[in-house]
Amino acid sequence: MTVEWSNFYQSTHRSNEILSIDILTKKGHTCIPNNDAEPMKKTFFIADVHLDSTFPDREQLILAFLKMIGSENGDLYVLGDLFDFWANNKTVLGANRNVLTLMRELTEHGSRIYILIGNRDLLLNQKILSPFGIVFLGEKATIRLDNKNIFLTHGHLLCTRDIKFQKYKNRVWPLYRFFDKILPGPVENYLAKKFILKSKRVINAQDSSCFRFSQDAVMDCFQQGNDVIICGHSHNRMKERFGDKHFYALPAWDQHKGGYVLHYNGAFSLCDFPAPSLS
């Protein structure tokens, strides 16, 4: 079978320059061309920050992390749930402006920032992220580092035992996207808060095995030609090796610490932020 790829050209206006990025898409799967030309550049991966105005310390922690990336001139991939809730209105945008503004500063100084959706910030899109120089990658993406295929996703696609969520996602997510376009911001935010509370109660009531990554789904992903999988969603750090293949699950962030995967000089490492004290 011949694979038909569609090229689309994305541009975001930053000050007086245009950032142009070529992306390949196939059935909702995003592929970023090989960036092996910068082997010494540091690349950071995070997930599940769950920014929420009721936890200001968490915002301060991620701001400190972004400043560290800026000092390293690194690139950043956010693998979903950067925000505990997202809607495309002025209230939500304003509540998260500190983080988004700092991300824009990083992209203006040479860092590249990419975001995928999670199950909390599923309403993110390229239009809302473009003014901040951020590239939207959808629900899953494959990038190239050191001539290896790196598969990125939030993680819910790999939890195939969570049948209730998979059915819910297919049925309800299209409705949320529709209502996001037509509801006034205050009404949407009110309903969203109720949804989040209900979602948390449902999650806490379910068997924890539902949120484990399916080994069949992981192996299927490797068999499709991927060498490394990086995801979040489970909120627990994990590092597994399957022969010459590697799987990383990122931890959730709280008010005091977070975790990230770092790719540098041909190697991946699972790290803490802030780094543990040596004293």
C-alpha atoms as a PDB file:
ATOM      1  CA  MET A   1       0.000   0.000   0.000  1.00  0.00           C
ATOM      2  CA  THR A   2       1.254   3.469  -0.842  1.00  0.00           C
ATOM      3  CA  VAL A   3       1.326   5.783   2.153  1.00  0.00           C
ATOM      4  CA  GLU A   4      -0.015   9.205   1.269  1.00  0.00           C
ATOM      5  CA  TRP A   5       1.392  12.006   3.348  1.00  0.00           C
ATOM      6  CA  SER A   6       0.010  15.529   3.421  1.00  0.00           C
ATOM      7  CA  ASN A   7       2.443  18.391   3.972  1.00  0.00           C
ATOM      8  CA  PHE A   8       1.255  21.494   5.649  1.00  0.00           C
ATOM      9  CA  TYR A   9       3.221  24.612   6.390  1.00  0.00           C
ATOM     10  CA  GLN A  10       2.728  26.259   9.746  1.00  0.00           C
ATOM     11  CA  SER A  11       3.884  29.787  10.473  1.00  0.00           C
ATOM     12  CA  THR A  12       3.727  31.736  13.692  1.00  0.00           C
ATOM     13  CA  HIS A  13       4.461  35.454  13.909  1.00  0.00           C
ATOM     14  CA  ARG A  14       7.045  36.324  16.542  1.00  0.00           C
ATOM     15  CA  SER A  15       7.984  39.990  16.835  1.00  0.00           C
ATOM     16  CA  ASN A  16       9.344  40.800  13.361  1.00  0.00           C
ATOM     17  CA  GLU A  17      10.199  37.282  12.266  1.00  0.00           C
ATOM     18  CA  ILE A  18       8.320  34.252  11.030  1.00  0.00           C
ATOM     19  CA  LEU A  19       8.952  30.792  12.453  1.00  0.00           C
ATOM     20  CA  SER A  20       8.298  28.210   9.737  1.00  0.00           C
ATOM     21  CA  ILE A  21       7.948  24.520  10.505  1.00  0.00           C
ATOM     22  CA  ASP A  22       7.345  21.660   8.084  1.00  0.00           C
ATOM     23  CA  ILE A  23       5.230  18.900   9.590  1.00  0.00           C
ATOM     24  CA  LEU A  24       4.034  15.624   8.084  1.00  0.00           C
ATOM     25  CA  THR A  25       0.634  14.313   9.100  1.00  0.00           C
ATOM     26  CA  LYS A  26      -1.065  10.991   8.546  1.00  0.00           C
ATOM     27  CA  LYS A  27      -4.449  10.232  10.108  1.00  0.00           C
ATOM     28  CA  GLY A  28      -3.905  12.543  13.048  1.00  0.00           C
ATOM     29  CA  HIS A  29      -0.341  11.349  13.641  1.00  0.00           C
ATOM     30  CA  THR A  30       2.290  14.067  13.475  1.00  0.00           C
ATOM     31  CA  CYS A  31       5.841  13.472  12.293  1.00  0.00           C
ATOM     32  CA  ILE A  32       8.611  16.032  12.679  1.00  0.00           C
ATOM     33  CA  PRO A  33      11.559  15.636  10.276  1.00  0.00           C
ATOM     34  CA  ASN A  34      14.960  14.580  11.609  1.00  0.00           C
ATOM     35  CA  ASN A  35      16.683  17.225  13.691  1.00  0.00           C
ATOM     36  CA  ASP A  36      19.942  15.300  14.066  1.00  0.00           C
ATOM     37  CA  ALA A  37      21.769  18.387  12.801  1.00  0.00           C
ATOM     38  CA  GLU A  38      21.981  19.624  16.429  1.00  0.00           C
ATOM     39  CA  PRO A  39      23.290  16.572  18.324  1.00  0.00           C
ATOM     40  CA  MET A  40      24.521  18.601  21.307  1.00  0.00           C
ATOM     41  CA  LYS A  41      21.237  20.444  21.862  1.00  0.00           C
ATOM     42  CA  LYS A  42      19.365  19.480  25.007  1.00  0.00           C
ATOM     43  CA  THR A  43      15.780  18.314  24.564  1.00  0.00           C
ATOM     44  CA  PHE A  44      13.388  18.160  27.524  1.00  0.00           C
ATOM     45  CA  PHE A  45      10.135  16.205  27.856  1.00  0.00           C
ATOM     46  CA  ILE A  46       7.496  16.819  30.547  1.00  0.00           C
ATOM     47  CA  ALA A  47       3.840  15.940  31.188  1.00  0.00           C
ATOM     48  CA  ASP A  48       1.095  16.344  33.775  1.00  0.00           C
ATOM     49  CA  VAL A  49       1.999  19.694  35.259  1.00  0.00           C
ATOM     50  CA  HIS A  50      -1.740  20.375  35.755  1.00  0.00           C
ATOM     51  CA  LEU A  51      -1.436  24.135  36.154  1.00  0.00           C
ATOM     52  CA  ASP A  52      -4.244  25.383  38.366  1.00  0.00           C
ATOM     53  CA  SER A  53      -4.679  28.857  39.849  1.00  0.00           C
ATOM     54  CA  THR A  54      -5.453  27.294  43.240  1.00  0.00           C
ATOM     55  CA  PHE A  55      -1.850  25.969  43.362  1.00  0.00           C
ATOM     56  CA  PRO A  56       0.374  29.015  42.662  1.00  0.00           C
ATOM     57  CA  ASP A  57       3.505  27.202  43.863  1.00  0.00           C
ATOM     58  CA  ARG A  58       3.141  24.804  40.951  1.00  0.00           C
ATOM     59  CA  GLU A  59       3.222  27.714  38.533  1.00  0.00           C
ATOM     60  CA  GLN A  60       6.361  29.075  40.191  1.00  0.00           C
ATOM     61  CA  LEU A  61       7.998  25.654  39.877  1.00  0.00           C
ATOM     62  CA  ILE A  62       7.291  25.333  36.152  1.00  0.00           C
ATOM     63  CA  LEU A  63       8.428  28.935  35.582  1.00  0.00           C
ATOM     64  CA  ALA A  64      11.750  28.059  37.235  1.00  0.00           C
ATOM     65  CA  PHE A  65      11.997  24.972  35.031  1.00  0.00           C
ATOM     66  CA  LEU A  66      11.359  27.020  31.880  1.00  0.00           C
ATOM     67  CA  LYS A  67      14.056  29.488  32.921  1.00  0.00           C
ATOM     68  CA  MET A  68      16.471  26.579  33.271  1.00  0.00           C
ATOM     69  CA  ILE A  69      15.610  25.431  29.735  1.00  0.00           C
ATOM     70  CA  GLY A  70      16.173  28.973  28.499  1.00  0.00           C
ATOM     71  CA  SER A  71      19.610  29.098  30.142  1.00  0.00           C
ATOM     72  CA  GLU A  72      20.473  25.856  28.307  1.00  0.00           C
ATOM     73  CA  ASN A  73      18.927  27.051  25.017  1.00  0.00           C
ATOM     74  CA  GLY A  74      17.072  23.736  25.036  1.00  0.00           C
ATOM     75  CA  ASP A  75      13.953  22.501  23.287  1.00  0.00           C
ATOM     76  CA  LEU A  76      10.811  21.376  25.133  1.00  0.00           C
ATOM     77  CA  TYR A  77       8.066  18.855  24.410  1.00  0.00           C
ATOM     78  CA  VAL A  78       5.006  18.969  26.678  1.00  0.00           C
ATOM     79  CA  LEU A  79       3.189  15.632  26.490  1.00  0.00           C
ATOM     80  CA  GLY A  80      -0.258  16.687  27.621  1.00  0.00           C
ATOM     81  CA  ASP A  81      -2.022  18.072  30.686  1.00  0.00           C
ATOM     82  CA  LEU A  82       0.167  21.121  31.052  1.00  0.00           C
ATOM     83  CA  PHE A  83      -3.104  22.672  32.207  1.00  0.00           C
ATOM     84  CA  ASP A  84      -5.530  21.058  34.627  1.00  0.00           C
ATOM     85  CA  PHE A  85      -8.241  22.568  32.468  1.00  0.00           C
ATOM     86  CA  TRP A  86      -8.171  24.432  29.190  1.00  0.00           C
ATOM     87  CA  ALA A  87     -10.797  26.319  27.213  1.00  0.00           C
ATOM     88  CA  ASN A  88     -10.225  28.809  24.437  1.00  0.00           C
ATOM     89  CA  ASN A  89     -11.452  31.941  26.190  1.00  0.00           C
ATOM     90  CA  LYS A  90      -9.930  35.070  27.732  1.00  0.00           C
ATOM     91  CA  THR A  91     -10.386  33.952  31.335  1.00  0.00           C
ATOM     92  CA  VAL A  92      -8.378  30.739  30.936  1.00  0.00           C
ATOM     93  CA  LEU A  93      -5.797  32.428  28.732  1.00  0.00           C
ATOM     94  CA  GLY A  94      -5.293  35.184  31.283  1.00  0.00           C
ATOM     95  CA  ALA A  95      -4.953  32.728  34.170  1.00  0.00           C
ATOM     96  CA  ASN A  96      -2.072  31.003  32.365  1.00  0.00           C
ATOM     97  CA  ARG A  97      -0.461  34.020  30.758  1.00  0.00           C
ATOM     98  CA  ASN A  98       2.678  33.966  32.955  1.00  0.00           C
ATOM     99  CA  VAL A  99       3.691  30.532  31.717  1.00  0.00           C
ATOM    100  CA  LEU A 100       2.701  31.178  28.107  1.00  0.00           C
ATOM    101  CA  THR A 101       4.521  34.517  28.032  1.00  0.00           C
ATOM    102  CA  LEU A 102       7.728  32.934  29.302  1.00  0.00           C
ATOM    103  CA  MET A 103       7.373  30.207  26.676  1.00  0.00           C
ATOM    104  CA  ARG A 104       7.119  32.924  24.040  1.00  0.00           C
ATOM    105  CA  GLU A 105      10.330  34.509  25.371  1.00  0.00           C
ATOM    106  CA  LEU A 106      12.091  31.153  25.066  1.00  0.00           C
ATOM    107  CA  THR A 107      10.968  30.632  21.476  1.00  0.00           C
ATOM    108  CA  GLU A 108      12.061  34.164  20.605  1.00  0.00           C
ATOM    109  CA  HIS A 109      15.560  33.292  21.811  1.00  0.00           C
ATOM    110  CA  GLY A 110      15.957  30.058  19.857  1.00  0.00           C
ATOM    111  CA  SER A 111      14.241  27.341  21.888  1.00  0.00           C
ATOM    112  CA  ARG A 112      11.531  25.272  20.231  1.00  0.00           C
ATOM    113  CA  ILE A 113       8.451  24.320  22.210  1.00  0.00           C
ATOM    114  CA  TYR A 114       5.933  21.671  21.180  1.00  0.00           C
ATOM    115  CA  ILE A 115       2.705  20.710  22.948  1.00  0.00           C
ATOM    116  CA  LEU A 116       0.484  17.635  22.705  1.00  0.00           C
ATOM    117  CA  ILE A 117      -2.946  17.399  24.283  1.00  0.00           C
ATOM    118  CA  GLY A 118      -3.804  15.356  27.347  1.00  0.00           C
ATOM    119  CA  ASN A 119      -7.187  14.321  28.681  1.00  0.00           C
ATOM    120  CA  ARG A 120      -7.513  17.634  30.599  1.00  0.00           C
ATOM    121  CA  ASP A 121      -6.348  20.154  27.986  1.00  0.00           C
ATOM    122  CA  LEU A 122      -7.909  18.457  24.969  1.00  0.00           C
ATOM    123  CA  LEU A 123      -9.217  21.775  23.619  1.00  0.00           C
ATOM    124  CA  LEU A 124      -5.761  23.195  22.861  1.00  0.00           C
ATOM    125  CA  ASN A 125      -5.121  23.986  19.212  1.00  0.00           C
ATOM    126  CA  GLN A 126      -2.574  25.671  16.969  1.00  0.00           C
ATOM    127  CA  LYS A 127      -4.500  28.923  16.665  1.00  0.00           C
ATOM    128  CA  ILE A 128      -4.390  29.650  20.396  1.00  0.00           C
ATOM    129  CA  LEU A 129      -0.715  28.609  20.730  1.00  0.00           C
ATOM    130  CA  SER A 130       0.718  30.367  17.673  1.00  0.00           C
ATOM    131  CA  PRO A 131       1.075  33.823  19.292  1.00  0.00           C
ATOM    132  CA  PHE A 132       3.429  32.228  21.824  1.00  0.00           C
ATOM    133  CA  GLY A 133       5.628  30.540  19.200  1.00  0.00           C
ATOM    134  CA  ILE A 134       4.454  27.089  20.297  1.00  0.00           C
ATOM    135  CA  VAL A 135       3.851  24.251  17.829  1.00  0.00           C
ATOM    136  CA  PHE A 136       0.798  22.086  18.418  1.00  0.00           C
ATOM    137  CA  LEU A 137       1.333  18.362  17.742  1.00  0.00           C
ATOM    138  CA  GLY A 138      -2.145  16.980  18.432  1.00  0.00           C
ATOM    139  CA  GLU A 139      -2.658  13.708  20.298  1.00  0.00           C
ATOM    140  CA  LYS A 140       0.451  11.797  19.201  1.00  0.00           C
ATOM    141  CA  ALA A 141       3.630  12.493  17.311  1.00  0.00           C
ATOM    142  CA  THR A 142       6.845  10.875  16.110  1.00  0.00           C
ATOM    143  CA  ILE A 143      10.077  12.843  16.142  1.00  0.00           C
ATOM    144  CA  ARG A 144      13.613  11.918  15.115  1.00  0.00           C
ATOM    145  CA  LEU A 145      16.573  12.158  17.453  1.00  0.00           C
ATOM    146  CA  ASP A 146      19.928  10.514  16.719  1.00  0.00           C
ATOM    147  CA  ASN A 147      18.359   8.629  13.804  1.00  0.00           C
ATOM    148  CA  LYS A 148      15.845   7.032  16.156  1.00  0.00           C
ATOM    149  CA  ASN A 149      12.054   7.267  16.001  1.00  0.00           C
ATOM    150  CA  ILE A 150      10.703   8.749  19.240  1.00  0.00           C
ATOM    151  CA  PHE A 151       6.963   8.241  19.764  1.00  0.00           C
ATOM    152  CA  LEU A 152       5.296  10.873  21.942  1.00  0.00           C
ATOM    153  CA  THR A 153       1.788  10.844  23.395  1.00  0.00           C
ATOM    154  CA  HIS A 154       0.089  11.783  26.634  1.00  0.00           C
ATOM    155  CA  GLY A 155      -0.478   8.139  27.522  1.00  0.00           C
ATOM    156  CA  HIS A 156      -4.242   7.562  27.541  1.00  0.00           C
ATOM    157  CA  LEU A 157      -3.977   5.961  24.082  1.00  0.00           C
ATOM    158  CA  LEU A 158      -1.770   3.267  25.631  1.00  0.00           C
ATOM    159  CA  CYS A 159      -4.212   2.491  28.471  1.00  0.00           C
ATOM    160  CA  THR A 160      -6.431   0.246  26.372  1.00  0.00           C
ATOM    161  CA  ARG A 161      -7.861  -1.519  29.451  1.00  0.00           C
ATOM    162  CA  ASP A 162      -9.549   1.725  30.439  1.00  0.00           C
ATOM    163  CA  ILE A 163     -12.532   0.899  28.251  1.00  0.00           C
ATOM    164  CA  LYS A 164     -14.858   3.378  29.977  1.00  0.00           C
ATOM    165  CA  PHE A 165     -12.537   6.258  29.193  1.00  0.00           C
ATOM    166  CA  GLN A 166     -11.953   5.166  25.599  1.00  0.00           C
ATOM    167  CA  LYS A 167     -15.719   5.069  24.972  1.00  0.00           C
ATOM    168  CA  TYR A 168     -16.179   8.354  26.806  1.00  0.00           C
ATOM    169  CA  LYS A 169     -13.426   9.993  24.738  1.00  0.00           C
ATOM    170  CA  ASN A 170     -14.921   8.898  21.433  1.00  0.00           C
ATOM    171  CA  ARG A 171     -18.417  10.012  22.425  1.00  0.00           C
ATOM    172  CA  VAL A 172     -17.875  13.185  24.464  1.00  0.00           C
ATOM    173  CA  TRP A 173     -14.671  14.861  23.239  1.00  0.00           C
ATOM    174  CA  PRO A 174     -16.285  15.950  19.934  1.00  0.00           C
ATOM    175  CA  LEU A 175     -19.087  17.547  21.972  1.00  0.00           C
ATOM    176  CA  TYR A 176     -16.623  19.476  24.151  1.00  0.00           C
ATOM    177  CA  ARG A 177     -14.916  20.820  21.041  1.00  0.00           C
ATOM    178  CA  PHE A 178     -18.274  21.890  19.649  1.00  0.00           C
ATOM    179  CA  PHE A 179     -19.368  23.627  22.867  1.00  0.00           C
ATOM    180  CA  ASP A 180     -15.952  25.325  23.141  1.00  0.00           C
ATOM    181  CA  LYS A 181     -16.767  27.152  19.921  1.00  0.00           C
ATOM    182  CA  ILE A 182     -20.247  28.359  20.874  1.00  0.00           C
ATOM    183  CA  LEU A 183     -20.512  28.771  24.660  1.00  0.00           C
ATOM    184  CA  PRO A 184     -19.635  32.051  26.408  1.00  0.00           C
ATOM    185  CA  GLY A 185     -16.430  31.742  28.449  1.00  0.00           C
ATOM    186  CA  PRO A 186     -18.005  31.997  31.949  1.00  0.00           C
ATOM    187  CA  VAL A 187     -20.608  29.325  31.119  1.00  0.00           C
ATOM    188  CA  GLU A 188     -17.987  27.000  29.650  1.00  0.00           C
ATOM    189  CA  ASN A 189     -15.657  27.430  32.637  1.00  0.00           C
ATOM    190  CA  TYR A 190     -18.486  26.766  35.118  1.00  0.00           C
ATOM    191  CA  LEU A 191     -19.449  23.547  33.354  1.00  0.00           C
ATOM    192  CA  ALA A 192     -15.813  22.518  33.002  1.00  0.00           C
ATOM    193  CA  LYS A 193     -15.190  22.762  36.739  1.00  0.00           C
ATOM    194  CA  LYS A 194     -18.119  20.450  37.364  1.00  0.00           C
ATOM    195  CA  PHE A 195     -16.783  18.056  34.732  1.00  0.00           C
ATOM    196  CA  ILE A 196     -13.327  17.975  36.315  1.00  0.00           C
ATOM    197  CA  LEU A 197     -14.716  17.208  39.770  1.00  0.00           C
ATOM    198  CA  LYS A 198     -16.862  14.425  38.362  1.00  0.00           C
ATOM    199  CA  SER A 199     -13.948  13.075  36.345  1.00  0.00           C
ATOM    200  CA  LYS A 200     -11.748  12.930  39.456  1.00  0.00           C
ATOM    201  CA  ARG A 201     -14.441  11.050  41.400  1.00  0.00           C
ATOM    202  CA  VAL A 202     -14.844   8.539  38.587  1.00  0.00           C
ATOM    203  CA  ILE A 203     -11.082   7.993  38.350  1.00  0.00           C
ATOM    204  CA  ASN A 204     -10.721   7.481  42.110  1.00  0.00           C
ATOM    205  CA  ALA A 205     -13.555   4.933  42.086  1.00  0.00           C
ATOM    206  CA  GLN A 206     -12.087   2.782  39.310  1.00  0.00           C
ATOM    207  CA  ASP A 207      -9.707  -0.139  39.610  1.00  0.00           C
ATOM    208  CA  SER A 208      -6.158   1.188  39.353  1.00  0.00           C
ATOM    209  CA  SER A 209      -5.322  -1.513  36.799  1.00  0.00           C
ATOM    210  CA  CYS A 210      -7.353   0.490  34.256  1.00  0.00           C
ATOM    211  CA  PHE A 211      -4.661   3.150  34.265  1.00  0.00           C
ATOM    212  CA  ARG A 212      -1.753   0.809  33.601  1.00  0.00           C
ATOM    213  CA  PHE A 213      -0.197   0.887  30.188  1.00  0.00           C
ATOM    214  CA  SER A 214      -1.121  -2.104  28.086  1.00  0.00           C
ATOM    215  CA  GLN A 215       1.979  -4.082  27.147  1.00  0.00           C
ATOM    216  CA  ASP A 216       0.231  -5.114  23.927  1.00  0.00           C
ATOM    217  CA  ALA A 217      -0.281  -1.453  23.014  1.00  0.00           C
ATOM    218  CA  VAL A 218       3.324  -0.632  23.871  1.00  0.00           C
ATOM    219  CA  MET A 219       4.709  -3.556  21.849  1.00  0.00           C
ATOM    220  CA  ASP A 220       2.459  -2.679  18.930  1.00  0.00           C
ATOM    221  CA  CYS A 221       3.877   0.831  19.010  1.00  0.00           C
ATOM    222  CA  PHE A 222       7.421  -0.533  18.907  1.00  0.00           C
ATOM    223  CA  GLN A 223       6.523  -2.882  16.054  1.00  0.00           C
ATOM    224  CA  GLN A 224       5.430   0.142  14.020  1.00  0.00           C
ATOM    225  CA  GLY A 225       9.070   1.217  13.863  1.00  0.00           C
ATOM    226  CA  ASN A 226       9.456   3.312  17.009  1.00  0.00           C
ATOM    227  CA  ASP A 227      12.632   2.993  19.061  1.00  0.00           C
ATOM    228  CA  VAL A 228      11.627   5.037  22.121  1.00  0.00           C
ATOM    229  CA  ILE A 229       8.230   5.810  23.683  1.00  0.00           C
ATOM    230  CA  ILE A 230       7.786   8.760  26.037  1.00  0.00           C
ATOM    231  CA  CYS A 231       4.434   9.520  27.687  1.00  0.00           C
ATOM    232  CA  GLY A 232       2.735  10.692  30.858  1.00  0.00           C
ATOM    233  CA  HIS A 233      -0.824  10.154  32.129  1.00  0.00           C
ATOM    234  CA  SER A 234      -0.114   7.543  34.813  1.00  0.00           C
ATOM    235  CA  HIS A 235       1.537  10.205  37.059  1.00  0.00           C
ATOM    236  CA  ASN A 236       4.203   7.632  37.978  1.00  0.00           C
ATOM    237  CA  ARG A 237       7.748   7.575  36.685  1.00  0.00           C
ATOM    238  CA  MET A 238       8.717   4.454  34.812  1.00  0.00           C
ATOM    239  CA  LYS A 239      11.682   3.303  32.765  1.00  0.00           C
ATOM    240  CA  GLU A 240      11.530  -0.017  30.944  1.00  0.00           C
ATOM    241  CA  ARG A 241      13.705  -1.681  28.335  1.00  0.00           C
ATOM    242  CA  PHE A 242      12.444  -4.109  25.701  1.00  0.00           C
ATOM    243  CA  GLY A 243      15.567  -5.391  23.968  1.00  0.00           C
ATOM    244  CA  ASP A 244      16.949  -2.314  22.202  1.00  0.00           C
ATOM    245  CA  LYS A 245      13.691  -0.380  22.693  1.00  0.00           C
ATOM    246  CA  HIS A 246      13.039   2.030  25.578  1.00  0.00           C
ATOM    247  CA  PHE A 247       9.848   3.159  27.325  1.00  0.00           C
ATOM    248  CA  TYR A 248       9.637   6.182  29.630  1.00  0.00           C
ATOM    249  CA  ALA A 249       6.619   7.330  31.662  1.00  0.00           C
ATOM    250  CA  LEU A 250       6.863  10.796  33.148  1.00  0.00           C
ATOM    251  CA  PRO A 251       5.804  11.651  36.719  1.00  0.00           C
ATOM    252  CA  ALA A 252       3.213  14.291  37.561  1.00  0.00           C
ATOM    253  CA  TRP A 253       4.296  17.650  38.971  1.00  0.00           C
ATOM    254  CA  ASP A 254       3.167  18.999  42.331  1.00  0.00           C
ATOM    255  CA  GLN A 255       3.879  22.163  44.286  1.00  0.00           C
ATOM    256  CA  HIS A 256       7.382  21.036  45.256  1.00  0.00           C
ATOM    257  CA  LYS A 257       8.900  18.914  42.508  1.00  0.00           C
ATOM    258  CA  GLY A 258       8.533  17.565  39.017  1.00  0.00           C
ATOM    259  CA  GLY A 259      10.252  15.197  36.658  1.00  0.00           C
ATOM    260  CA  TYR A 260      11.407  15.190  33.070  1.00  0.00           C
ATOM    261  CA  VAL A 261      13.188  13.128  30.461  1.00  0.00           C
ATOM    262  CA  LEU A 262      16.333  14.726  29.064  1.00  0.00           C
ATOM    263  CA  HIS A 263      17.897  13.819  25.741  1.00  0.00           C
ATOM    264  CA  TYR A 264      21.473  15.019  25.426  1.00  0.00           C
ATOM    265  CA  ASN A 265      24.538  13.829  23.566  1.00  0.00           C
ATOM    266  CA  GLY A 266      22.802  10.675  22.297  1.00  0.00           C
ATOM    267  CA  ALA A 267      21.411   9.507  25.649  1.00  0.00           C
ATOM    268  CA  PHE A 268      18.081   9.685  27.493  1.00  0.00           C
ATOM    269  CA  SER A 269      17.836  10.174  31.247  1.00  0.00           C
ATOM    270  CA  LEU A 270      14.915  10.476  33.672  1.00  0.00           C
ATOM    271  CA  CYS A 271      15.570  13.444  35.955  1.00  0.00           C
ATOM    272  CA  ASP A 272      14.076  15.344  38.901  1.00  0.00           C
ATOM    273  CA  PHE A 273      13.380  19.058  39.136  1.00  0.00           C
ATOM    274  CA  PRO A 274      14.673  20.660  41.134  1.00  0.00           C
ATOM    275  CA  ALA A 275      17.694  18.373  41.202  1.00  0.00           C
ATOM    276  CA  PRO A 276      18.227  16.603  44.533  1.00  0.00           C
ATOM    277  CA  SER A 277      20.584  18.396  46.882  1.00  0.00           C
ATOM    278  CA  LEU A 278      24.023  16.847  47.217  1.00  0.00           C
ATOM    279  CA  SER A 279      24.309  17.923  50.847  1.00  0.00           C
END
